Amino acid sequence: MTKKKTTAPTCETCEFYDWDEDYGCQVCTMHLDEDEMLDFLGQQTSHCPYYRYYDEYKTVQKQN
C-alpha cells in the first residue's frame, strides 16, 4: 500500500493573495495578528488557517 504524497496549498492559489500597488508585488491580504505573522514568516505552520482556494470560474458563474 502506497500513500499519496500531499502537498500544502501555495499562496499563489489562495483567494487572499493579491497584487499590492504600494509594494509592487503579490502579498497576502489577510490581516494576521503578530503571532500568526511570526509563525507564517518563520515557516512554523504546515498550512495557513486562512487559505481559501481561489476559483475564478466560480466567481464568473455568480455574475451571470
Protein backbone atom coordinates (compact mmCIF):
# COMPACT_ATOMS: atom_id res chain seq x y z
CA MET A 1 0.00 0.00 0.00
CA THR A 2 1.47 3.34 -1.02
CA LYS A 3 0.45 6.63 0.44
CA LYS A 4 -0.11 9.58 -1.81
CA LYS A 5 2.14 12.48 -1.03
CA THR A 6 0.01 15.50 -0.25
CA THR A 7 1.38 18.97 -0.70
CA ALA A 8 0.34 22.01 1.23
CA PRO A 9 -1.52 24.63 -0.76
CA THR A 10 0.56 27.52 -2.00
CA CYS A 11 -0.17 31.18 -1.59
CA GLU A 12 -0.41 31.61 -5.37
CA THR A 13 -3.72 29.70 -5.42
CA CYS A 14 -5.22 31.49 -2.43
CA GLU A 15 -8.07 33.99 -2.68
CA PHE A 16 -6.26 36.35 -0.30
CA TYR A 17 -3.04 36.52 -2.36
CA ASP A 18 -3.28 39.67 -4.46
CA TRP A 19 -1.21 42.38 -6.13
CA ASP A 20 -0.30 45.32 -3.92
CA GLU A 21 0.29 48.59 -5.78
CA ASP A 22 2.27 50.13 -2.89
CA TYR A 23 4.76 47.26 -2.59
CA GLY A 24 4.74 46.35 -6.28
CA CYS A 25 4.41 42.62 -5.64
CA GLN A 26 1.99 39.90 -4.62
CA VAL A 27 1.07 39.92 -0.91
CA CYS A 28 -1.30 38.18 1.44
CA THR A 29 -4.23 40.49 2.09
CA MET A 30 -5.43 38.53 5.14
CA HIS A 31 -4.84 40.57 8.27
CA LEU A 32 -2.79 38.34 10.57
CA ASP A 33 -2.09 39.15 14.18
CA GLU A 34 1.52 39.40 15.38
CA ASP A 35 1.82 35.76 16.50
CA GLU A 36 0.27 34.43 13.29
CA MET A 37 2.59 36.58 11.19
CA LEU A 38 5.66 35.35 13.09
CA ASP A 39 4.60 31.73 12.54
CA PHE A 40 3.91 32.43 8.88
CA LEU A 41 7.23 34.17 8.25
CA GLY A 42 9.15 31.58 10.25
CA GLN A 43 7.52 28.72 8.34
CA GLN A 44 6.26 27.28 11.65
CA THR A 45 2.89 26.33 10.22
CA SER A 46 2.32 23.46 7.83
CA HIS A 47 -0.58 25.28 6.27
CA CYS A 48 -2.29 28.63 6.51
CA PRO A 49 -5.50 28.50 8.56
CA TYR A 50 -6.99 31.18 6.29
CA TYR A 51 -6.19 29.52 2.97
CA ARG A 52 -9.16 29.58 0.60
CA TYR A 53 -8.77 28.26 -2.92
CA TYR A 54 -9.43 30.98 -5.49
CA ASP A 55 -11.68 29.69 -8.27
CA GLU A 56 -12.02 32.35 -10.96
CA TYR A 57 -14.69 30.36 -12.78
CA LYS A 58 -16.88 30.14 -9.68
CA THR A 59 -16.77 33.93 -9.39
CA VAL A 60 -17.77 34.37 -13.04
CA GLN A 61 -20.70 31.97 -12.66
CA LYS A 62 -22.13 34.09 -9.83
CA GLN A 63 -22.06 37.18 -12.07
CA ASN A 64 -24.30 35.60 -14.75
